[in-house]
Amino acid sequence: MKIILSLIFLFSYVFSTEIISAWNVNAGKINPHLYSPNQMYAQVMIYQGLVRYTEEGIRPEIAESWEISNEGKTYTFHIKRDLKFSDGSPLDAYAIQSNFDAILENKSRHSWLGITNKIKSYKALNPLVFELELNSPYVAVLNELSLPRPFRIIAPNAMINKSTKDGIRAPIGSGAFMLEESVLGVRDVFVPNPYFSGKKPQISRLVMKILPDAHARILAFESGALDILVGRDSISRENFKRLSQNTKYQTITSKPQGTFQIVLNASKDRPTSNKDLRKAIIMAVNKNLIWEKILLQIDPKADFLFNPSLPFADVGLDKIPFNVAEAKRLLKDKKFKPLEFVYIANNPIQKAIAEAIALDLSKIGLEIRLVASESIGFYQSQKNGNFDLIFNDTWGNPYDPHSFIASMLVPSHADFTIQKDLTNKKDIDANIYRILNAYGDKELQQEYTNLLTALHQSDIYLPLAYTLVLGVYRKDKIQSYHFGNMESEFLFEELEMRKKRE
């Protein structure tokens, strides 16, 4: 009888530590070295990097320490002893070297990332020492090694012919969780990695139900079918405000991440190539009303491309004022064809803001044609420049500002498109290259001052807010939960369950 009772107790304990959440799509194959449809939150849960980005700066993860020498060009990483992947295979410097081989075999795919073009050589000097040599100094090396992708480490035996560019055998990492099951369109199930070197998670299973519709996710949460919802687009701001009034739930926010903004296309074949038009648009948009009525005063207001609290980003720029009269003066005797404003069709915040801005701009004589686009088409429009105005974001910690400005050099994002025909584009690019090769805070600060001033004065960015990631959980099931320091770092391994009353 005692054995039976013990088994019943054990079963109830395991069952009670299952947490159920929801996401809009499956996690994908969860290849650490590739991009969509691999979901970043899952890549962070399953794989680790050499280092980790935290509120206090870069901290050890796979590497326990490192030295920087040769005027910022040589990084020597000392690997923690006795690390293992979730299948029990060894995680050492040779495994890290195999990962760098696989990542750089696909170098062109990662050309948007500054470090990719900086790597001169790398080598495992012995099982516990990995050396990385750059062709010139780069201030964002450690930040970029901590990103959700591509410099996360997978077990070499999970690669296909020592490669990951065409897929992997299985998602085998050294993070807190491993994938137990994936059912397309239904769920992904994660369980603790028995070889994880950090603090063991309190939960026994994380079930991520696949619910594409945001309204359905909220209904599932309020019905008790979900324990927690987290993620930038998982909860509307209206529902977040409403749920915060219910004592059964705990709402939480991350620290500010990237800048949510609208970009104006300065390409010579678009009406918005006219600088007076871009300036007038920025001055005529009532950002404060958008912040109050649509963003519901949750996210901090934004006036600049990067949050001034970021390193090197506080450069003393002046805010562009809301001034309808001045906007009308700038457009006096000028005629423009209707402007195309592209937004994601199923994103209610983008739709509401686009409609509000169209109304604002009609007051200065501009006609706006709103273009509702599905997600893939939206990002294709960003890349190929088929827009006059379009929504855009910087990428948050730890991409901003270094990795984000590096991406401006590559024709894969909206920033390259809107900048390419600026009269000072060559100077902007040269400025970015100097930042990517700078060594020393004084030099970097001066270069960032020059760059951010030039971009601000180009009138191609209309910042709206410094975005927060939102979350809500059930107090009867969860004691505490907090976000990580990256937008896609959810830290389910640090979630604390509420203890059952005797």
Protein backbone atom coordinates (compact mmCIF):
# COMPACT_ATOMS: atom_id res chain seq x y z
CA MET A 1 0.00 0.00 0.00
CA LYS A 2 2.82 2.45 0.86
CA ILE A 3 4.40 1.80 -2.53
CA ILE A 4 1.11 2.48 -4.30
CA LEU A 5 0.59 5.72 -2.37
CA SER A 6 4.15 6.77 -3.17
CA LEU A 7 3.56 6.15 -6.86
CA ILE A 8 0.30 8.12 -6.76
CA PHE A 9 2.10 11.00 -5.04
CA LEU A 10 4.92 10.89 -7.58
CA PHE A 11 2.49 10.86 -10.50
CA SER A 12 0.51 13.80 -9.12
CA TYR A 13 3.73 15.74 -8.55
CA VAL A 14 4.96 15.20 -12.10
CA PHE A 15 1.55 16.04 -13.53
CA SER A 16 1.29 19.18 -11.44
CA THR A 17 4.61 20.49 -12.76
CA GLU A 18 3.46 20.51 -16.37
CA ILE A 19 3.06 24.04 -17.73
CA ILE A 20 0.91 24.78 -20.75
CA SER A 21 1.43 27.83 -22.96
CA ALA A 22 0.73 28.69 -26.61
CA TRP A 23 2.48 30.01 -29.70
CA ASN A 24 1.21 30.94 -33.13
CA VAL A 25 3.33 28.41 -35.09
CA ASN A 26 5.36 25.29 -34.45
CA ALA A 27 8.97 25.74 -33.34
CA GLY A 28 10.21 24.25 -36.62
CA LYS A 29 13.20 21.94 -36.99
CA ILE A 30 15.00 24.13 -34.41
CA ASN A 31 18.26 24.32 -36.33
CA PRO A 32 20.47 26.68 -34.27
CA HIS A 33 22.33 27.92 -37.35
CA LEU A 34 19.34 28.89 -39.51
CA TYR A 35 16.42 31.31 -39.41
CA SER A 36 12.66 31.16 -40.02
CA PRO A 37 10.67 28.94 -39.59
CA ASN A 38 12.89 28.05 -36.61
CA GLN A 39 11.42 29.95 -33.67
CA MET A 40 13.98 31.91 -31.67
CA TYR A 41 12.44 31.18 -28.26
CA ALA A 42 12.97 27.45 -28.90
CA GLN A 43 16.53 27.95 -30.14
CA VAL A 44 17.32 29.78 -26.90
CA MET A 45 15.71 27.03 -24.78
CA ILE A 46 17.57 24.17 -26.45
CA TYR A 47 20.99 25.61 -27.34
CA GLN A 48 23.62 27.61 -25.52
CA GLY A 49 26.26 30.01 -26.78
CA LEU A 50 29.81 30.49 -25.62
CA VAL A 51 28.56 33.44 -23.58
CA ARG A 52 25.25 34.83 -22.38
CA TYR A 53 23.85 38.36 -22.51
CA THR A 54 22.53 39.57 -19.14
CA GLU A 55 21.43 42.81 -17.51
CA GLU A 56 24.92 43.03 -15.97
CA GLY A 57 26.60 42.50 -19.33
CA ILE A 58 28.16 39.43 -20.94
CA ARG A 59 28.48 36.45 -18.59
CA PRO A 60 29.83 32.88 -18.94
CA GLU A 61 27.74 30.11 -20.46
CA ILE A 62 29.64 27.34 -22.28
CA ALA A 63 32.84 29.29 -21.71
CA GLU A 64 33.70 29.90 -18.05
CA SER A 65 36.15 32.72 -18.87
CA TRP A 66 37.94 34.40 -21.76
CA GLU A 67 40.78 36.76 -22.55
CA ILE A 68 40.97 39.39 -25.28
CA SER A 69 44.42 40.16 -26.69
CA ASN A 70 46.23 41.33 -29.82
CA GLU A 71 44.55 44.77 -29.69
CA GLY A 72 41.07 43.27 -29.62
CA LYS A 73 41.61 40.74 -32.40
CA THR A 74 42.16 37.49 -30.47
CA TYR A 75 39.58 35.90 -28.13
CA THR A 76 40.65 32.89 -26.07
CA PHE A 77 37.74 31.02 -24.48
CA HIS A 78 38.21 28.57 -21.61
CA ILE A 79 35.47 25.95 -21.75
CA LYS A 80 33.75 24.60 -18.64
CA ARG A 81 34.74 21.05 -17.73
CA ASP A 82 32.52 17.99 -18.13
CA LEU A 83 29.82 19.65 -20.22
CA LYS A 84 27.50 17.39 -22.19
CA PHE A 85 24.81 17.73 -24.81
CA SER A 86 21.33 16.42 -24.08
CA ASP A 87 22.22 13.05 -25.67
CA GLY A 88 25.19 12.64 -23.32
CA SER A 89 27.87 13.38 -25.92
CA PRO A 90 30.76 15.67 -24.86
CA LEU A 91 30.59 19.44 -25.34
CA ASP A 92 34.18 20.61 -25.65
CA ALA A 93 36.29 22.96 -27.77
CA TYR A 94 36.34 20.45 -30.62
CA ALA A 95 32.54 20.44 -30.72
CA ILE A 96 32.62 24.24 -30.81
CA GLN A 97 35.10 24.16 -33.70
CA SER A 98 32.75 21.82 -35.60
CA ASN A 99 29.93 24.33 -35.08
CA PHE A 100 32.00 27.22 -36.40
CA ASP A 101 32.86 25.07 -39.44
CA ALA A 102 29.15 24.51 -40.08
CA ILE A 103 28.17 28.14 -39.52
CA LEU A 104 30.88 29.59 -41.75
CA GLU A 105 30.27 27.02 -44.48
CA ASN A 106 27.04 29.01 -44.90
CA LYS A 107 28.75 32.38 -44.39
CA SER A 108 26.78 34.29 -47.04
CA ARG A 109 23.54 33.48 -45.20
CA HIS A 110 24.89 35.22 -42.10
CA SER A 111 26.52 38.20 -43.86
CA TRP A 112 24.15 40.62 -42.10
CA LEU A 113 25.97 39.88 -38.84
CA GLY A 114 29.16 41.89 -38.27
CA ILE A 115 31.20 39.11 -36.68
CA THR A 116 30.73 36.82 -39.70
CA ASN A 117 32.88 39.06 -41.84
CA LYS A 118 35.43 39.62 -39.08
CA ILE A 119 36.48 36.02 -38.42
CA LYS A 120 39.97 35.30 -39.71
CA SER A 121 40.52 31.91 -38.07
CA TYR A 122 39.38 29.71 -35.18
CA LYS A 123 40.70 26.56 -33.58
CA ALA A 124 40.32 24.22 -30.62
CA LEU A 125 43.76 24.39 -28.97
CA ASN A 126 42.79 21.50 -26.69
CA PRO A 127 39.47 20.16 -25.32
CA LEU A 128 39.09 23.12 -22.96
CA VAL A 129 40.46 26.06 -25.00
CA PHE A 130 38.92 27.59 -28.13
CA GLU A 131 40.65 30.47 -29.90
CA LEU A 132 38.93 32.94 -32.22
CA GLU A 133 40.97 35.40 -34.28
CA LEU A 134 39.53 38.41 -36.11
CA ASN A 135 40.95 40.38 -39.01
CA SER A 136 40.26 43.62 -37.10
CA PRO A 137 38.73 44.63 -33.75
CA TYR A 138 34.94 44.51 -33.37
CA VAL A 139 33.12 45.85 -30.34
CA ALA A 140 30.12 43.49 -30.69
CA VAL A 141 31.94 40.12 -30.73
CA LEU A 142 30.65 38.86 -27.39
CA ASN A 143 27.18 40.31 -27.93
CA GLU A 144 26.83 38.49 -31.24
CA LEU A 145 28.13 35.22 -29.82
CA SER A 146 25.26 35.40 -27.30
CA LEU A 147 22.49 35.84 -29.90
CA PRO A 148 19.70 33.27 -30.34
CA ARG A 149 21.25 32.38 -33.72
CA PRO A 150 23.46 31.49 -35.52
CA PHE A 151 26.35 31.07 -33.03
CA ARG A 152 24.61 28.54 -30.79
CA ILE A 153 26.18 25.12 -30.31
CA ILE A 154 24.62 21.84 -31.49
CA ALA A 155 25.99 18.33 -30.91
CA PRO A 156 28.24 17.45 -33.88
CA ASN A 157 26.53 14.06 -34.23
CA ALA A 158 23.25 15.91 -34.87
CA MET A 159 24.71 17.50 -38.00
CA ILE A 160 24.30 15.96 -41.45
CA ASN A 161 27.72 15.23 -42.98
CA LYS A 162 29.26 17.77 -40.58
CA SER A 163 26.93 20.45 -41.95
CA THR A 164 23.78 22.27 -40.81
CA LYS A 165 23.02 24.44 -43.84
CA ASP A 166 20.62 21.85 -45.29
CA GLY A 167 19.15 20.64 -42.00
CA ILE A 168 19.96 18.64 -38.88
CA ARG A 169 19.22 15.12 -37.66
CA ALA A 170 17.70 16.31 -34.39
CA PRO A 171 17.76 19.40 -32.12
CA ILE A 172 20.44 18.26 -29.64
CA GLY A 173 21.85 21.10 -27.54
CA SER A 174 23.07 21.84 -24.05
CA GLY A 175 20.33 24.27 -22.95
CA ALA A 176 17.84 23.81 -20.15
CA PHE A 177 15.30 21.96 -22.33
CA MET A 178 15.09 19.47 -25.14
CA LEU A 179 12.31 18.77 -27.62
CA GLU A 180 10.27 15.70 -26.69
CA GLU A 181 7.50 15.90 -29.30
CA SER A 182 6.33 18.09 -32.16
CA VAL A 183 2.91 17.67 -33.80
CA LEU A 184 2.40 20.02 -36.75
CA GLY A 185 -0.33 22.54 -36.04
CA VAL A 186 -1.08 21.02 -32.62
CA ARG A 187 1.77 21.31 -30.10
CA ASP A 188 5.46 21.26 -29.27
CA VAL A 189 6.53 19.61 -26.02
CA PHE A 190 9.76 20.44 -24.21
CA VAL A 191 11.24 18.57 -21.24
CA PRO A 192 14.27 19.31 -19.04
CA ASN A 193 17.70 18.37 -20.37
CA PRO A 194 19.14 15.88 -17.83
CA TYR A 195 22.69 17.08 -18.61
CA PHE A 196 21.98 20.79 -18.26
CA SER A 197 24.79 22.34 -16.22
CA GLY A 198 22.69 25.13 -14.71
CA LYS A 199 19.87 25.18 -12.20
CA LYS A 200 17.36 22.43 -12.93
CA PRO A 201 13.88 23.61 -13.99
CA GLN A 202 11.01 23.10 -11.58
CA ILE A 203 8.67 22.12 -14.40
CA SER A 204 8.62 18.59 -15.81
CA ARG A 205 7.08 19.45 -19.18
CA LEU A 206 6.35 22.58 -21.16
CA VAL A 207 3.53 22.09 -23.66
CA MET A 208 3.40 24.82 -26.29
CA LYS A 209 0.01 24.57 -27.98
CA ILE A 210 -0.22 25.93 -31.51
CA LEU A 211 -2.93 28.60 -31.65
CA PRO A 212 -2.40 30.95 -34.60
CA ASP A 213 -5.22 33.32 -33.62
CA ALA A 214 -4.40 35.80 -30.85
CA HIS A 215 -8.04 35.94 -29.70
CA ALA A 216 -8.11 32.14 -29.41
CA ARG A 217 -5.01 32.25 -27.20
CA ILE A 218 -6.66 34.68 -24.81
CA LEU A 219 -9.86 32.61 -24.68
CA ALA A 220 -7.80 29.48 -23.95
CA PHE A 221 -5.93 31.28 -21.17
CA GLU A 222 -9.08 32.61 -19.50
CA SER A 223 -10.77 29.22 -19.75
CA GLY A 224 -7.93 27.65 -17.77
CA ALA A 225 -6.52 25.66 -20.72
CA LEU A 226 -3.27 27.66 -20.58
CA ASP A 227 -1.13 28.54 -17.57
CA ILE A 228 0.99 31.29 -19.10
CA LEU A 229 1.22 33.45 -22.20
CA VAL A 230 4.40 35.29 -23.12
CA GLY A 231 5.76 36.93 -26.23
CA ARG A 232 5.65 40.20 -28.02
CA ASP A 233 2.57 39.46 -30.12
CA SER A 234 0.95 36.85 -27.88
CA ILE A 235 -1.25 39.36 -26.05
CA SER A 236 -2.87 42.52 -27.35
CA ARG A 237 -2.38 45.62 -25.25
CA GLU A 238 -6.13 45.84 -24.67
CA ASN A 239 -6.21 42.32 -23.27
CA PHE A 240 -3.05 42.95 -21.25
CA LYS A 241 -4.70 45.96 -19.60
CA ARG A 242 -7.90 44.03 -18.97
CA LEU A 243 -6.19 40.94 -17.52
CA SER A 244 -4.09 43.12 -15.22
CA GLN A 245 -7.30 44.04 -13.38
CA ASN A 246 -8.06 40.40 -12.56
CA THR A 247 -6.59 39.26 -9.23
CA LYS A 248 -6.31 35.66 -10.49
CA TYR A 249 -3.62 36.69 -12.96
CA GLN A 250 -0.19 38.29 -12.81
CA THR A 251 0.80 40.47 -15.75
CA ILE A 252 4.49 41.17 -16.40
CA THR A 253 6.62 43.11 -18.87
CA SER A 254 10.18 42.85 -20.05
CA LYS A 255 12.62 45.71 -20.02
CA PRO A 256 12.45 47.87 -23.19
CA GLN A 257 13.65 46.03 -26.26
CA GLY A 258 13.85 47.34 -29.83
CA THR A 259 12.36 50.51 -31.30
CA PHE A 260 8.94 50.14 -32.94
CA GLN A 261 8.83 52.63 -35.78
CA ILE A 262 7.73 53.55 -39.26
CA VAL A 263 10.36 54.03 -41.94
CA LEU A 264 10.09 56.35 -44.92
CA ASN A 265 11.56 55.20 -48.21
CA ALA A 266 14.08 57.70 -49.61
CA SER A 267 14.65 55.61 -52.77
CA LYS A 268 14.72 57.83 -55.86
CA ASP A 269 11.77 56.06 -57.51
CA ARG A 270 9.40 56.81 -54.59
CA PRO A 271 7.55 60.08 -53.81
CA THR A 272 9.12 59.97 -50.34
CA SER A 273 12.52 60.59 -51.94
CA ASN A 274 11.54 64.25 -51.38
CA LYS A 275 13.13 65.31 -48.07
CA ASP A 276 10.54 68.04 -47.39
CA LEU A 277 7.81 65.42 -47.75
CA ARG A 278 9.51 63.07 -45.28
CA LYS A 279 10.02 65.90 -42.79
CA ALA A 280 6.38 66.98 -43.14
CA ILE A 281 5.14 63.43 -42.54
CA ILE A 282 7.17 63.10 -39.36
CA MET A 283 5.96 66.47 -38.06
CA ALA A 284 2.29 65.81 -38.90
CA VAL A 285 1.90 62.47 -37.10
CA ASN A 286 0.37 62.84 -33.65
CA LYS A 287 2.61 60.28 -31.93
CA ASN A 288 1.34 61.17 -28.47
CA LEU A 289 -2.24 60.26 -29.43
CA ILE A 290 -1.05 56.94 -30.89
CA TRP A 291 0.84 56.21 -27.67
CA GLU A 292 -2.19 57.04 -25.52
CA LYS A 293 -5.04 55.51 -27.52
CA ILE A 294 -3.47 52.58 -29.40
CA LEU A 295 -0.35 51.58 -27.46
CA LEU A 296 -2.28 52.37 -24.24
CA GLN A 297 0.74 53.99 -22.56
CA ILE A 298 2.34 50.59 -21.90
CA ASP A 299 5.54 50.89 -23.93
CA PRO A 300 7.85 53.87 -23.33
CA LYS A 301 7.60 56.63 -25.95
CA ALA A 302 10.34 56.75 -28.55
CA ASP A 303 11.81 59.77 -30.31
CA PHE A 304 15.02 58.31 -31.70
CA LEU A 305 16.20 55.32 -33.71
CA PHE A 306 17.80 53.74 -30.62
CA ASN A 307 16.88 54.04 -26.97
CA PRO A 308 19.31 56.61 -25.50
CA SER A 309 19.92 54.25 -22.57
CA LEU A 310 21.84 51.92 -24.92
CA PRO A 311 25.65 52.13 -25.11
CA PHE A 312 26.80 55.01 -27.35
CA ALA A 313 23.19 55.91 -28.31
CA ASP A 314 22.71 59.06 -26.20
CA VAL A 315 24.18 61.62 -28.60
CA GLY A 316 22.18 64.75 -27.73
CA LEU A 317 19.73 64.77 -30.63
CA ASP A 318 16.73 67.13 -30.67
CA LYS A 319 13.22 65.67 -30.84
CA ILE A 320 11.24 66.48 -33.98
CA PRO A 321 8.14 68.33 -32.73
CA PHE A 322 4.52 67.68 -33.66
CA ASN A 323 3.79 70.73 -35.79
CA VAL A 324 0.99 70.55 -38.36
CA ALA A 325 1.41 74.18 -39.44
CA GLU A 326 5.10 73.69 -40.23
CA ALA A 327 4.29 70.44 -42.07
CA LYS A 328 1.81 72.33 -44.27
CA ARG A 329 4.41 75.02 -44.96
CA LEU A 330 6.94 72.43 -46.10
CA LEU A 331 4.41 71.05 -48.59
CA LYS A 332 3.11 74.38 -49.88
CA ASP A 333 2.67 74.31 -53.68
CA LYS A 334 3.90 70.69 -53.81
CA LYS A 335 1.77 67.86 -55.18
CA PHE A 336 2.36 64.16 -54.57
CA LYS A 337 0.66 61.03 -55.79
CA PRO A 338 -0.96 58.77 -53.14
CA LEU A 339 1.60 57.24 -50.78
CA GLU A 340 1.64 53.49 -50.15
CA PHE A 341 1.70 52.51 -46.47
CA VAL A 342 2.27 48.76 -46.00
CA TYR A 343 1.27 46.91 -42.83
CA ILE A 344 0.72 43.29 -41.75
CA ALA A 345 -2.94 42.50 -42.33
CA ASN A 346 -3.50 40.37 -39.21
CA ASN A 347 -1.66 42.74 -36.88
CA PRO A 348 -4.35 44.88 -35.22
CA ILE A 349 -1.90 47.40 -33.76
CA GLN A 350 -0.25 48.05 -37.12
CA LYS A 351 -3.67 48.41 -38.77
CA ALA A 352 -4.93 50.87 -36.14
CA ILE A 353 -1.76 52.96 -36.28
CA ALA A 354 -1.73 53.00 -40.09
CA GLU A 355 -5.34 54.24 -40.12
CA ALA A 356 -4.56 56.92 -37.52
CA ILE A 357 -1.53 58.13 -39.49
CA ALA A 358 -3.51 58.19 -42.73
CA LEU A 359 -6.02 60.48 -41.01
CA ASP A 360 -3.24 62.71 -39.64
CA LEU A 361 -1.62 63.05 -43.05
CA SER A 362 -4.91 63.85 -44.77
CA LYS A 363 -4.91 67.03 -42.67
CA ILE A 364 -1.82 68.25 -44.54
CA GLY A 365 -3.17 67.29 -47.95
CA LEU A 366 -1.60 63.85 -48.37
CA GLU A 367 -3.51 60.82 -49.59
CA ILE A 368 -2.42 57.48 -48.10
CA ARG A 369 -3.20 54.14 -49.71
CA LEU A 370 -3.14 51.48 -47.02
CA VAL A 371 -1.75 48.16 -48.23
CA ALA A 372 -2.63 45.15 -46.07
CA SER A 373 -0.05 42.41 -46.61
CA GLU A 374 0.39 38.89 -45.30
CA SER A 375 3.55 38.40 -43.25
CA ILE A 376 5.85 36.91 -45.91
CA GLY A 377 4.83 39.55 -48.45
CA PHE A 378 5.33 42.29 -45.87
CA TYR A 379 8.96 41.38 -45.28
CA GLN A 380 9.51 40.96 -49.00
CA SER A 381 8.21 44.51 -49.47
CA GLN A 382 10.68 45.73 -46.85
CA LYS A 383 13.51 44.09 -48.77
CA ASN A 384 12.56 45.10 -52.31
CA GLY A 385 11.41 48.64 -51.46
CA ASN A 386 7.77 48.37 -52.61
CA PHE A 387 6.51 50.94 -50.11
CA ASP A 388 6.59 54.60 -49.21
CA LEU A 389 5.94 53.95 -45.52
CA ILE A 390 6.22 50.63 -43.72
CA PHE A 391 6.49 49.40 -40.15
CA ASN A 392 9.91 48.33 -38.92
CA ASP A 393 11.70 47.48 -35.67
CA THR A 394 15.20 47.50 -34.37
CA TRP A 395 16.01 44.16 -32.81
CA GLY A 396 16.50 44.90 -29.12
CA ASN A 397 19.13 43.38 -26.82
CA PRO A 398 21.86 42.52 -27.58
CA TYR A 399 21.60 43.45 -31.29
CA ASP A 400 21.17 47.19 -30.69
CA PRO A 401 22.99 49.23 -31.65
CA HIS A 402 26.07 47.42 -33.06
CA SER A 403 24.57 44.44 -34.90
CA PHE A 404 21.65 46.49 -36.16
CA ILE A 405 23.80 49.15 -37.78
CA ALA A 406 25.98 46.41 -39.35
CA SER A 407 22.85 45.05 -41.06
CA MET A 408 22.35 48.43 -42.75
CA LEU A 409 25.20 47.53 -45.12
CA VAL A 410 23.41 44.47 -46.51
CA PRO A 411 20.36 44.48 -48.87
CA SER A 412 18.23 42.24 -46.68
CA HIS A 413 16.26 44.64 -44.46
CA ALA A 414 14.21 47.83 -44.79
CA ASP A 415 17.03 50.00 -43.47
CA PHE A 416 19.25 49.30 -46.46
CA THR A 417 16.35 50.02 -48.82
CA ILE A 418 15.38 53.37 -47.34
CA GLN A 419 18.99 54.57 -47.13
CA LYS A 420 20.45 53.42 -50.45
CA ASP A 421 19.66 56.61 -52.42
CA LEU A 422 20.41 59.15 -49.71
CA THR A 423 22.89 61.74 -50.96
CA ASN A 424 25.12 60.99 -47.96
CA LYS A 425 24.78 57.18 -48.15
CA LYS A 426 28.50 56.69 -48.87
CA ASP A 427 29.36 58.74 -45.79
CA ILE A 428 26.86 56.76 -43.68
CA ASP A 429 28.35 53.44 -44.83
CA ALA A 430 31.90 54.67 -44.23
CA ASN A 431 30.80 55.74 -40.75
CA ILE A 432 29.38 52.27 -40.06
CA TYR A 433 32.57 50.59 -41.28
CA ARG A 434 34.61 52.78 -38.93
CA ILE A 435 32.38 51.70 -36.03
CA LEU A 436 32.82 48.05 -36.99
CA ASN A 437 36.58 48.49 -36.92
CA ALA A 438 36.86 50.83 -33.92
CA TYR A 439 38.82 49.92 -30.83
CA GLY A 440 38.12 52.05 -27.77
CA ASP A 441 35.08 53.76 -26.28
CA LYS A 442 36.13 57.31 -27.12
CA GLU A 443 36.48 56.54 -30.82
CA LEU A 444 33.21 54.59 -30.84
CA GLN A 445 31.28 57.37 -29.14
CA GLN A 446 32.41 59.94 -31.69
CA GLU A 447 31.56 57.68 -34.60
CA TYR A 448 28.13 56.87 -33.17
CA THR A 449 27.45 60.56 -32.62
CA ASN A 450 28.21 61.22 -36.29
CA LEU A 451 26.17 58.26 -37.55
CA LEU A 452 23.05 58.74 -35.43
CA THR A 453 23.03 62.46 -36.17
CA ALA A 454 23.21 61.79 -39.92
CA LEU A 455 20.40 59.23 -39.80
CA HIS A 456 18.22 61.47 -37.62
CA GLN A 457 18.67 64.41 -39.98
CA SER A 458 17.81 62.25 -43.00
CA ASP A 459 14.14 62.09 -41.86
CA ILE A 460 13.70 58.43 -42.72
CA TYR A 461 12.75 57.15 -39.25
CA LEU A 462 9.53 57.84 -37.35
CA PRO A 463 10.02 56.15 -33.93
CA LEU A 464 6.88 55.34 -31.93
CA ALA A 465 7.84 53.27 -28.87
CA TYR A 466 10.57 51.23 -27.21
CA THR A 467 8.79 47.90 -27.26
CA LEU A 468 8.09 45.77 -24.20
CA VAL A 469 7.44 42.02 -24.30
CA LEU A 470 4.22 41.21 -22.46
CA GLY A 471 3.27 38.22 -20.34
CA VAL A 472 0.51 36.93 -18.08
CA TYR A 473 0.27 33.86 -15.88
CA ARG A 474 -2.12 32.17 -13.46
CA LYS A 475 -1.26 32.83 -9.82
CA ASP A 476 -2.79 29.56 -8.63
CA LYS A 477 -0.25 27.57 -10.67
CA ILE A 478 2.82 29.79 -10.90
CA GLN A 479 4.60 31.51 -8.02
CA SER A 480 6.88 33.71 -10.10
CA TYR A 481 8.23 34.16 -13.60
CA HIS A 482 10.43 36.75 -15.26
CA PHE A 483 11.68 37.49 -18.74
CA GLY A 484 15.27 37.20 -19.88
CA ASN A 485 17.23 40.06 -21.36
CA MET A 486 16.57 39.25 -25.00
CA GLU A 487 13.16 39.56 -26.63
CA SER A 488 13.04 35.82 -27.31
CA GLU A 489 14.55 34.64 -24.00
CA PHE A 490 11.64 33.36 -21.93
CA LEU A 491 13.54 31.59 -19.08
CA PHE A 492 11.01 28.86 -18.37
CA GLU A 493 13.84 27.12 -16.50
CA GLU A 494 13.63 29.83 -13.81
CA LEU A 495 9.85 29.70 -13.45
CA GLU A 496 8.79 28.88 -9.90
CA MET A 497 5.74 26.73 -9.31
CA ARG A 498 3.28 27.53 -6.55
CA LYS A 499 3.49 24.90 -3.84
CA LYS A 500 0.35 22.91 -3.16
CA ARG A 501 -1.26 23.45 0.23
CA GLU A 502 -1.26 20.46 2.53
